[in-house]
Amino acid sequence: MNINLKEDVKPISYIKSNAAKMMKYVNERKSPIIVTQNGEAKAVLMDIESYQQTENAFALLKLLQYAEKSIAEGNVYDHEQVFSELRKKISKK
């Protein structure tokens, strides 16, 4: 995802009058468009696949952050404890 500042920054008025063209642009190029209003960047228009990848990456980062916090708090188990508990749960079924 590379942003070309000359081509990928558009005012909202341009987006409004060329919506279908802009949707095609972001879907084909997989490059987001920065939408400006009154000369300031206000939003990003991007294809759904790139958006989903971004959301997935953030979810993974949150999991890593949670894991690091758990480790720092000492909430850890060795593999023997984990597998022992799993075997107990499986054998109950």
PDB file of N, CA and C in Angstrom:
ATOM      1  N   MET A   1       0.846  -1.168   0.000  1.00  0.00           N
ATOM      2  CA  MET A   1       0.000   0.000   0.000  1.00  0.00           C
ATOM      3  C   MET A   1       0.892   1.232   0.000  1.00  0.00           C
ATOM      4  N   ASN A   2       1.086   1.784  -1.162  1.00  0.00           N
ATOM      5  CA  ASN A   2       1.918   2.962  -1.342  1.00  0.00           C
ATOM      6  C   ASN A   2       1.046   4.141  -1.747  1.00  0.00           C
ATOM      7  N   ILE A   3       1.195   5.264  -1.087  1.00  0.00           N
ATOM      8  CA  ILE A   3       0.383   6.434  -1.411  1.00  0.00           C
ATOM      9  C   ILE A   3       1.180   7.376  -2.300  1.00  0.00           C
ATOM     10  N   ASN A   4       0.597   7.702  -3.441  1.00  0.00           N
ATOM     11  CA  ASN A   4       1.171   8.669  -4.364  1.00  0.00           C
ATOM     12  C   ASN A   4       0.470   9.991  -4.073  1.00  0.00           C
ATOM     13  N   LEU A   5       1.176  10.923  -3.446  1.00  0.00           N
ATOM     14  CA  LEU A   5       0.547  12.166  -3.004  1.00  0.00           C
ATOM     15  C   LEU A   5      -0.037  12.985  -4.153  1.00  0.00           C
ATOM     16  N   LYS A   6       0.487  12.828  -5.334  1.00  0.00           N
ATOM     17  CA  LYS A   6      -0.034  13.572  -6.479  1.00  0.00           C
ATOM     18  C   LYS A   6      -1.364  13.002  -6.955  1.00  0.00           C
ATOM     19  N   GLU A   7      -1.492  11.666  -6.950  1.00  0.00           N
ATOM     20  CA  GLU A   7      -2.692  11.020  -7.473  1.00  0.00           C
ATOM     21  C   GLU A   7      -3.677  10.578  -6.401  1.00  0.00           C
ATOM     22  N   ASP A   8      -3.208  10.347  -5.185  1.00  0.00           N
ATOM     23  CA  ASP A   8      -4.041   9.716  -4.172  1.00  0.00           C
ATOM     24  C   ASP A   8      -4.586  10.659  -3.109  1.00  0.00           C
ATOM     25  N   VAL A   9      -4.500  11.940  -3.327  1.00  0.00           N
ATOM     26  CA  VAL A   9      -5.104  12.919  -2.437  1.00  0.00           C
ATOM     27  C   VAL A   9      -6.118  13.699  -3.260  1.00  0.00           C
ATOM     28  N   LYS A  10      -7.388  13.599  -2.848  1.00  0.00           N
ATOM     29  CA  LYS A  10      -8.468  14.218  -3.629  1.00  0.00           C
ATOM     30  C   LYS A  10      -9.414  14.971  -2.694  1.00  0.00           C
ATOM     31  N   PRO A  11      -9.924  16.107  -3.159  1.00  0.00           N
ATOM     32  CA  PRO A  11     -10.925  16.823  -2.363  1.00  0.00           C
ATOM     33  C   PRO A  11     -12.256  16.076  -2.383  1.00  0.00           C
ATOM     34  N   ILE A  12     -13.040  16.270  -1.350  1.00  0.00           N
ATOM     35  CA  ILE A  12     -14.313  15.573  -1.244  1.00  0.00           C
ATOM     36  C   ILE A  12     -15.240  15.900  -2.410  1.00  0.00           C
ATOM     37  N   SER A  13     -15.151  17.096  -2.934  1.00  0.00           N
ATOM     38  CA  SER A  13     -16.000  17.468  -4.076  1.00  0.00           C
ATOM     39  C   SER A  13     -15.677  16.587  -5.288  1.00  0.00           C
ATOM     40  N   TYR A  14     -14.401  16.273  -5.487  1.00  0.00           N
ATOM     41  CA  TYR A  14     -14.004  15.394  -6.593  1.00  0.00           C
ATOM     42  C   TYR A  14     -14.513  13.976  -6.341  1.00  0.00           C
ATOM     43  N   ILE A  15     -14.389  13.508  -5.108  1.00  0.00           N
ATOM     44  CA  ILE A  15     -14.874  12.169  -4.749  1.00  0.00           C
ATOM     45  C   ILE A  15     -16.372  12.071  -5.013  1.00  0.00           C
ATOM     46  N   LYS A  16     -17.118  13.093  -4.606  1.00  0.00           N
ATOM     47  CA  LYS A  16     -18.576  13.095  -4.795  1.00  0.00           C
ATOM     48  C   LYS A  16     -18.951  12.996  -6.270  1.00  0.00           C
ATOM     49  N   SER A  17     -18.298  13.770  -7.098  1.00  0.00           N
ATOM     50  CA  SER A  17     -18.672  13.794  -8.521  1.00  0.00           C
ATOM     51  C   SER A  17     -18.066  12.646  -9.320  1.00  0.00           C
ATOM     52  N   ASN A  18     -17.129  11.904  -8.740  1.00  0.00           N
ATOM     53  CA  ASN A  18     -16.485  10.787  -9.439  1.00  0.00           C
ATOM     54  C   ASN A  18     -16.467   9.517  -8.588  1.00  0.00           C
ATOM     55  N   ALA A  19     -17.536   9.289  -7.843  1.00  0.00           N
ATOM     56  CA  ALA A  19     -17.569   8.188  -6.877  1.00  0.00           C
ATOM     57  C   ALA A  19     -17.281   6.836  -7.524  1.00  0.00           C
ATOM     58  N   ALA A  20     -17.944   6.512  -8.622  1.00  0.00           N
ATOM     59  CA  ALA A  20     -17.748   5.209  -9.266  1.00  0.00           C
ATOM     60  C   ALA A  20     -16.306   5.060  -9.751  1.00  0.00           C
ATOM     61  N   LYS A  21     -15.763   6.119 -10.306  1.00  0.00           N
ATOM     62  CA  LYS A  21     -14.379   6.110 -10.780  1.00  0.00           C
ATOM     63  C   LYS A  21     -13.401   5.899  -9.624  1.00  0.00           C
ATOM     64  N   MET A  22     -13.667   6.538  -8.508  1.00  0.00           N
ATOM     65  CA  MET A  22     -12.798   6.407  -7.339  1.00  0.00           C
ATOM     66  C   MET A  22     -12.875   5.003  -6.737  1.00  0.00           C
ATOM     67  N   MET A  23     -14.078   4.425  -6.717  1.00  0.00           N
ATOM     68  CA  MET A  23     -14.231   3.059  -6.211  1.00  0.00           C
ATOM     69  C   MET A  23     -13.436   2.089  -7.089  1.00  0.00           C
ATOM     70  N   LYS A  24     -13.535   2.274  -8.392  1.00  0.00           N
ATOM     71  CA  LYS A  24     -12.788   1.422  -9.323  1.00  0.00           C
ATOM     72  C   LYS A  24     -11.281   1.606  -9.097  1.00  0.00           C
ATOM     73  N   TYR A  25     -10.857   2.836  -8.907  1.00  0.00           N
ATOM     74  CA  TYR A  25      -9.440   3.156  -8.695  1.00  0.00           C
ATOM     75  C   TYR A  25      -8.882   2.425  -7.476  1.00  0.00           C
ATOM     76  N   VAL A  26      -9.561   2.547  -6.335  1.00  0.00           N
ATOM     77  CA  VAL A  26      -9.026   1.925  -5.118  1.00  0.00           C
ATOM     78  C   VAL A  26      -9.081   0.397  -5.191  1.00  0.00           C
ATOM     79  N   ASN A  27     -10.089  -0.148  -5.866  1.00  0.00           N
ATOM     80  CA  ASN A  27     -10.196  -1.600  -5.974  1.00  0.00           C
ATOM     81  C   ASN A  27      -9.164  -2.196  -6.928  1.00  0.00           C
ATOM     82  N   GLU A  28      -8.840  -1.487  -7.976  1.00  0.00           N
ATOM     83  CA  GLU A  28      -7.849  -1.985  -8.936  1.00  0.00           C
ATOM     84  C   GLU A  28      -6.426  -1.799  -8.425  1.00  0.00           C
ATOM     85  N   ARG A  29      -6.135  -0.646  -7.869  1.00  0.00           N
ATOM     86  CA  ARG A  29      -4.765  -0.326  -7.454  1.00  0.00           C
ATOM     87  C   ARG A  29      -4.421  -0.789  -6.045  1.00  0.00           C
ATOM     88  N   LYS A  30      -5.437  -1.077  -5.251  1.00  0.00           N
ATOM     89  CA  LYS A  30      -5.221  -1.435  -3.838  1.00  0.00           C
ATOM     90  C   LYS A  30      -4.445  -0.333  -3.128  1.00  0.00           C
ATOM     91  N   SER A  31      -4.724   0.884  -3.535  1.00  0.00           N
ATOM     92  CA  SER A  31      -4.070   2.052  -2.961  1.00  0.00           C
ATOM     93  C   SER A  31      -5.145   2.978  -2.410  1.00  0.00           C
ATOM     94  N   PRO A  32      -5.034   3.390  -1.164  1.00  0.00           N
ATOM     95  CA  PRO A  32      -6.069   4.255  -0.590  1.00  0.00           C
ATOM     96  C   PRO A  32      -6.015   5.672  -1.147  1.00  0.00           C
ATOM     97  N   ILE A  33      -7.130   6.354  -1.043  1.00  0.00           N
ATOM     98  CA  ILE A  33      -7.213   7.759  -1.425  1.00  0.00           C
ATOM     99  C   ILE A  33      -7.447   8.567  -0.154  1.00  0.00           C
ATOM    100  N   ILE A  34      -6.660   9.603   0.019  1.00  0.00           N
ATOM    101  CA  ILE A  34      -6.844  10.533   1.131  1.00  0.00           C
ATOM    102  C   ILE A  34      -7.885  11.559   0.679  1.00  0.00           C
ATOM    103  N   VAL A  35      -8.956  11.687   1.447  1.00  0.00           N
ATOM    104  CA  VAL A  35     -10.022  12.620   1.107  1.00  0.00           C
ATOM    105  C   VAL A  35      -9.830  13.883   1.940  1.00  0.00           C
ATOM    106  N   THR A  36      -9.789  15.018   1.245  1.00  0.00           N
ATOM    107  CA  THR A  36      -9.602  16.292   1.943  1.00  0.00           C
ATOM    108  C   THR A  36     -10.899  17.098   1.954  1.00  0.00           C
ATOM    109  N   GLN A  37     -11.007  17.943   2.960  1.00  0.00           N
ATOM    110  CA  GLN A  37     -12.131  18.876   3.059  1.00  0.00           C
ATOM    111  C   GLN A  37     -11.561  20.182   3.561  1.00  0.00           C
ATOM    112  N   ASN A  38     -11.811  21.233   2.812  1.00  0.00           N
ATOM    113  CA  ASN A  38     -11.255  22.550   3.134  1.00  0.00           C
ATOM    114  C   ASN A  38      -9.741  22.501   3.268  1.00  0.00           C
ATOM    115  N   GLY A  39      -9.101  21.705   2.433  1.00  0.00           N
ATOM    116  CA  GLY A  39      -7.649  21.623   2.395  1.00  0.00           C
ATOM    117  C   GLY A  39      -7.010  20.742   3.455  1.00  0.00           C
ATOM    118  N   GLU A  40      -7.821  20.104   4.299  1.00  0.00           N
ATOM    119  CA  GLU A  40      -7.294  19.237   5.350  1.00  0.00           C
ATOM    120  C   GLU A  40      -7.687  17.794   5.104  1.00  0.00           C
ATOM    121  N   ALA A  41      -6.776  16.879   5.392  1.00  0.00           N
ATOM    122  CA  ALA A  41      -7.078  15.460   5.276  1.00  0.00           C
ATOM    123  C   ALA A  41      -8.135  15.103   6.318  1.00  0.00           C
ATOM    124  N   LYS A  42      -9.234  14.460   5.854  1.00  0.00           N
ATOM    125  CA  LYS A  42     -10.345  14.145   6.761  1.00  0.00           C
ATOM    126  C   LYS A  42     -10.711  12.669   6.777  1.00  0.00           C
ATOM    127  N   ALA A  43     -10.424  11.934   5.692  1.00  0.00           N
ATOM    128  CA  ALA A  43     -10.844  10.530   5.629  1.00  0.00           C
ATOM    129  C   ALA A  43      -9.974   9.780   4.639  1.00  0.00           C
ATOM    130  N   VAL A  44     -10.146   8.450   4.642  1.00  0.00           N
ATOM    131  CA  VAL A  44      -9.425   7.584   3.723  1.00  0.00           C
ATOM    132  C   VAL A  44     -10.437   6.688   3.024  1.00  0.00           C
ATOM    133  N   LEU A  45     -10.326   6.579   1.731  1.00  0.00           N
ATOM    134  CA  LEU A  45     -11.153   5.668   0.944  1.00  0.00           C
ATOM    135  C   LEU A  45     -10.254   4.525   0.495  1.00  0.00           C
ATOM    136  N   MET A  46     -10.632   3.301   0.875  1.00  0.00           N
ATOM    137  CA  MET A  46      -9.797   2.157   0.513  1.00  0.00           C
ATOM    138  C   MET A  46     -10.667   0.967   0.144  1.00  0.00           C
ATOM    139  N   ASP A  47     -10.072   0.020  -0.585  1.00  0.00           N
ATOM    140  CA  ASP A  47     -10.801  -1.179  -0.981  1.00  0.00           C
ATOM    141  C   ASP A  47     -11.043  -2.061   0.235  1.00  0.00           C
ATOM    142  N   ILE A  48     -12.078  -2.878   0.152  1.00  0.00           N
ATOM    143  CA  ILE A  48     -12.495  -3.675   1.295  1.00  0.00           C
ATOM    144  C   ILE A  48     -11.462  -4.731   1.672  1.00  0.00           C
ATOM    145  N   GLU A  49     -10.775  -5.295   0.701  1.00  0.00           N
ATOM    146  CA  GLU A  49      -9.752  -6.312   0.997  1.00  0.00           C
ATOM    147  C   GLU A  49      -8.610  -5.718   1.827  1.00  0.00           C
ATOM    148  N   SER A  50      -8.144  -4.550   1.434  1.00  0.00           N
ATOM    149  CA  SER A  50      -7.081  -3.880   2.193  1.00  0.00           C
ATOM    150  C   SER A  50      -7.561  -3.493   3.580  1.00  0.00           C
ATOM    151  N   TYR A  51      -8.803  -3.047   3.656  1.00  0.00           N
ATOM    152  CA  TYR A  51      -9.377  -2.698   4.956  1.00  0.00           C
ATOM    153  C   TYR A  51      -9.415  -3.919   5.866  1.00  0.00           C
ATOM    154  N   GLN A  52      -9.867  -5.061   5.327  1.00  0.00           N
ATOM    155  CA  GLN A  52      -9.942  -6.279   6.124  1.00  0.00           C
ATOM    156  C   GLN A  52      -8.560  -6.720   6.587  1.00  0.00           C
ATOM    157  N   GLN A  53      -7.563  -6.609   5.711  1.00  0.00           N
ATOM    158  CA  GLN A  53      -6.197  -6.960   6.090  1.00  0.00           C
ATOM    159  C   GLN A  53      -5.700  -6.059   7.213  1.00  0.00           C
ATOM    160  N   THR A  54      -6.030  -4.794   7.143  1.00  0.00           N
ATOM    161  CA  THR A  54      -5.639  -3.843   8.186  1.00  0.00           C
ATOM    162  C   THR A  54      -6.313  -4.201   9.510  1.00  0.00           C
ATOM    163  N   GLU A  55      -7.604  -4.505   9.456  1.00  0.00           N
ATOM    164  CA  GLU A  55      -8.329  -4.896  10.663  1.00  0.00           C
ATOM    165  C   GLU A  55      -7.748  -6.175  11.261  1.00  0.00           C
ATOM    166  N   ASN A  56      -7.423  -7.146  10.412  1.00  0.00           N
ATOM    167  CA  ASN A  56      -6.828  -8.397  10.888  1.00  0.00           C
ATOM    168  C   ASN A  56      -5.480  -8.144  11.560  1.00  0.00           C
ATOM    169  N   ALA A  57      -4.690  -7.252  10.978  1.00  0.00           N
ATOM    170  CA  ALA A  57      -3.380  -6.926  11.552  1.00  0.00           C
ATOM    171  C   ALA A  57      -3.547  -6.272  12.921  1.00  0.00           C
ATOM    172  N   PHE A  58      -4.517  -5.361  13.047  1.00  0.00           N
ATOM    173  CA  PHE A  58      -4.764  -4.723  14.339  1.00  0.00           C
ATOM    174  C   PHE A  58      -5.249  -5.737  15.371  1.00  0.00           C
ATOM    175  N   ALA A  59      -6.087  -6.676  14.956  1.00  0.00           N
ATOM    176  CA  ALA A  59      -6.565  -7.705  15.882  1.00  0.00           C
ATOM    177  C   ALA A  59      -5.405  -8.549  16.384  1.00  0.00           C
ATOM    178  N   LEU A  60      -4.495  -8.894  15.482  1.00  0.00           N
ATOM    179  CA  LEU A  60      -3.328  -9.677  15.873  1.00  0.00           C
ATOM    180  C   LEU A  60      -2.442  -8.895  16.836  1.00  0.00           C
ATOM    181  N   LEU A  61      -2.262  -7.615  16.563  1.00  0.00           N
ATOM    182  CA  LEU A  61      -1.470  -6.776  17.469  1.00  0.00           C
ATOM    183  C   LEU A  61      -2.109  -6.680  18.855  1.00  0.00           C
ATOM    184  N   LYS A  62      -3.436  -6.619  18.905  1.00  0.00           N
ATOM    185  CA  LYS A  62      -4.122  -6.589  20.198  1.00  0.00           C
ATOM    186  C   LYS A  62      -3.897  -7.891  20.953  1.00  0.00           C
ATOM    187  N   LEU A  63      -3.935  -9.020  20.246  1.00  0.00           N
ATOM    188  CA  LEU A  63      -3.672 -10.307  20.888  1.00  0.00           C
ATOM    189  C   LEU A  63      -2.252 -10.366  21.439  1.00  0.00           C
ATOM    190  N   LEU A  64      -1.306  -9.861  20.665  1.00  0.00           N
ATOM    191  CA  LEU A  64       0.082  -9.832  21.128  1.00  0.00           C
ATOM    192  C   LEU A  64       0.231  -8.937  22.356  1.00  0.00           C
ATOM    193  N   GLN A  65      -0.444  -7.809  22.343  1.00  0.00           N
ATOM    194  CA  GLN A  65      -0.399  -6.889  23.482  1.00  0.00           C
ATOM    195  C   GLN A  65      -0.992  -7.561  24.722  1.00  0.00           C
ATOM    196  N   TYR A  66      -2.105  -8.263  24.542  1.00  0.00           N
ATOM    197  CA  TYR A  66      -2.730  -8.983  25.646  1.00  0.00           C
ATOM    198  C   TYR A  66      -1.790 -10.063  26.185  1.00  0.00           C
ATOM    199  N   ALA A  67      -1.146 -10.789  25.273  1.00  0.00           N
ATOM    200  CA  ALA A  67      -0.211 -11.844  25.685  1.00  0.00           C
ATOM    201  C   ALA A  67       0.981 -11.262  26.448  1.00  0.00           C
ATOM    202  N   GLU A  68       1.528 -10.164  25.964  1.00  0.00           N
ATOM    203  CA  GLU A  68       2.651  -9.528  26.650  1.00  0.00           C
ATOM    204  C   GLU A  68       2.256  -9.071  28.048  1.00  0.00           C
ATOM    205  N   LYS A  69       1.046  -8.553  28.175  1.00  0.00           N
ATOM    206  CA  LYS A  69       0.557  -8.114  29.491  1.00  0.00           C
ATOM    207  C   LYS A  69       0.410  -9.315  30.421  1.00  0.00           C
ATOM    208  N   SER A  70      -0.134 -10.402  29.912  1.00  0.00           N
ATOM    209  CA  SER A  70      -0.290 -11.617  30.717  1.00  0.00           C
ATOM    210  C   SER A  70       1.062 -12.150  31.187  1.00  0.00           C
ATOM    211  N   ILE A  71       2.030 -12.138  30.287  1.00  0.00           N
ATOM    212  CA  ILE A  71       3.380 -12.596  30.652  1.00  0.00           C
ATOM    213  C   ILE A  71       3.965 -11.700  31.738  1.00  0.00           C
ATOM    214  N   ALA A  72       3.828 -10.399  31.566  1.00  0.00           N
ATOM    215  CA  ALA A  72       4.363  -9.442  32.543  1.00  0.00           C
ATOM    216  C   ALA A  72       3.716  -9.630  33.918  1.00  0.00           C
ATOM    217  N   GLU A  73       2.442 -10.041  33.929  1.00  0.00           N
ATOM    218  CA  GLU A  73       1.728 -10.256  35.188  1.00  0.00           C
ATOM    219  C   GLU A  73       1.963 -11.650  35.753  1.00  0.00           C
ATOM    220  N   GLY A  74       2.726 -12.461  35.042  1.00  0.00           N
ATOM    221  CA  GLY A  74       3.038 -13.803  35.517  1.00  0.00           C
ATOM    222  C   GLY A  74       1.961 -14.835  35.235  1.00  0.00           C
ATOM    223  N   ASN A  75       1.017 -14.500  34.383  1.00  0.00           N
ATOM    224  CA  ASN A  75      -0.045 -15.434  34.019  1.00  0.00           C
ATOM    225  C   ASN A  75       0.418 -16.338  32.878  1.00  0.00           C
ATOM    226  N   VAL A  76       1.320 -17.242  33.211  1.00  0.00           N
ATOM    227  CA  VAL A  76       1.874 -18.137  32.189  1.00  0.00           C
ATOM    228  C   VAL A  76       1.820 -19.584  32.684  1.00  0.00           C
ATOM    229  N   TYR A  77       1.780 -20.507  31.740  1.00  0.00           N
ATOM    230  CA  TYR A  77       1.759 -21.934  32.046  1.00  0.00           C
ATOM    231  C   TYR A  77       2.747 -22.631  31.127  1.00  0.00           C
ATOM    232  N   ASP A  78       3.415 -23.638  31.659  1.00  0.00           N
ATOM    233  CA  ASP A  78       4.308 -24.376  30.775  1.00  0.00           C
ATOM    234  C   ASP A  78       3.476 -25.358  29.943  1.00  0.00           C
ATOM    235  N   HIS A  79       4.088 -25.896  28.910  1.00  0.00           N
ATOM    236  CA  HIS A  79       3.355 -26.753  27.982  1.00  0.00           C
ATOM    237  C   HIS A  79       2.800 -28.005  28.660  1.00  0.00           C
ATOM    238  N   GLU A  80       3.483 -28.515  29.664  1.00  0.00           N
ATOM    239  CA  GLU A  80       2.992 -29.711  30.351  1.00  0.00           C
ATOM    240  C   GLU A  80       1.668 -29.430  31.063  1.00  0.00           C
ATOM    241  N   GLN A  81       1.573 -28.266  31.713  1.00  0.00           N
ATOM    242  CA  GLN A  81       0.328 -27.896  32.387  1.00  0.00           C
ATOM    243  C   GLN A  81      -0.814 -27.747  31.376  1.00  0.00           C
ATOM    244  N   VAL A  82      -0.534 -27.098  30.285  1.00  0.00           N
ATOM    245  CA  VAL A  82      -1.555 -26.843  29.268  1.00  0.00           C
ATOM    246  C   VAL A  82      -2.067 -28.153  28.691  1.00  0.00           C
ATOM    247  N   PHE A  83      -1.171 -29.028  28.279  1.00  0.00           N
ATOM    248  CA  PHE A  83      -1.594 -30.292  27.678  1.00  0.00           C
ATOM    249  C   PHE A  83      -2.289 -31.196  28.692  1.00  0.00           C
ATOM    250  N   SER A  84      -1.862 -31.143  29.923  1.00  0.00           N
ATOM    251  CA  SER A  84      -2.514 -31.926  30.975  1.00  0.00           C
ATOM    252  C   SER A  84      -3.967 -31.478  31.138  1.00  0.00           C
ATOM    253  N   GLU A  85      -4.195 -30.183  31.196  1.00  0.00           N
ATOM    254  CA  GLU A  85      -5.555 -29.657  31.317  1.00  0.00           C
ATOM    255  C   GLU A  85      -6.403 -30.002  30.089  1.00  0.00           C
ATOM    256  N   LEU A  86      -5.816 -29.908  28.909  1.00  0.00           N
ATOM    257  CA  LEU A  86      -6.536 -30.266  27.682  1.00  0.00           C
ATOM    258  C   LEU A  86      -6.926 -31.734  27.681  1.00  0.00           C
ATOM    259  N   ARG A  87      -6.026 -32.591  28.097  1.00  0.00           N
ATOM    260  CA  ARG A  87      -6.334 -34.029  28.145  1.00  0.00           C
ATOM    261  C   ARG A  87      -7.478 -34.319  29.116  1.00  0.00           C
ATOM    262  N   LYS A  88      -7.484 -33.625  30.246  1.00  0.00           N
ATOM    263  CA  LYS A  88      -8.548 -33.804  31.218  1.00  0.00           C
ATOM    264  C   LYS A  88      -9.905 -33.396  30.620  1.00  0.00           C
ATOM    265  N   LYS A  89      -9.921 -32.265  29.939  1.00  0.00           N
ATOM    266  CA  LYS A  89     -11.161 -31.775  29.335  1.00  0.00           C
ATOM    267  C   LYS A  89     -11.651 -32.715  28.230  1.00  0.00           C
ATOM    268  N   ILE A  90     -10.729 -33.213  27.447  1.00  0.00           N
ATOM    269  CA  ILE A  90     -11.090 -34.126  26.353  1.00  0.00           C
ATOM    270  C   ILE A  90     -11.622 -35.441  26.900  1.00  0.00           C
ATOM    271  N   SER A  91     -10.995 -35.954  27.938  1.00  0.00           N
ATOM    272  CA  SER A  91     -11.414 -37.246  28.493  1.00  0.00           C
ATOM    273  C   SER A  91     -12.791 -37.164  29.166  1.00  0.00           C
ATOM    274  N   LYS A  92     -13.211 -35.994  29.609  1.00  0.00           N
ATOM    275  CA  LYS A  92     -14.528 -35.810  30.214  1.00  0.00           C
ATOM    276  C   LYS A  92     -15.643 -35.892  29.177  1.00  0.00           C
ATOM    277  N   LYS A  93     -15.328 -35.656  27.925  1.00  0.00           N
ATOM    278  CA  LYS A  93     -16.356 -35.653  26.870  1.00  0.00           C
ATOM    279  C   LYS A  93     -16.633 -37.007  26.440  1.00  0.00           C
TER     280      LYS A  93
END
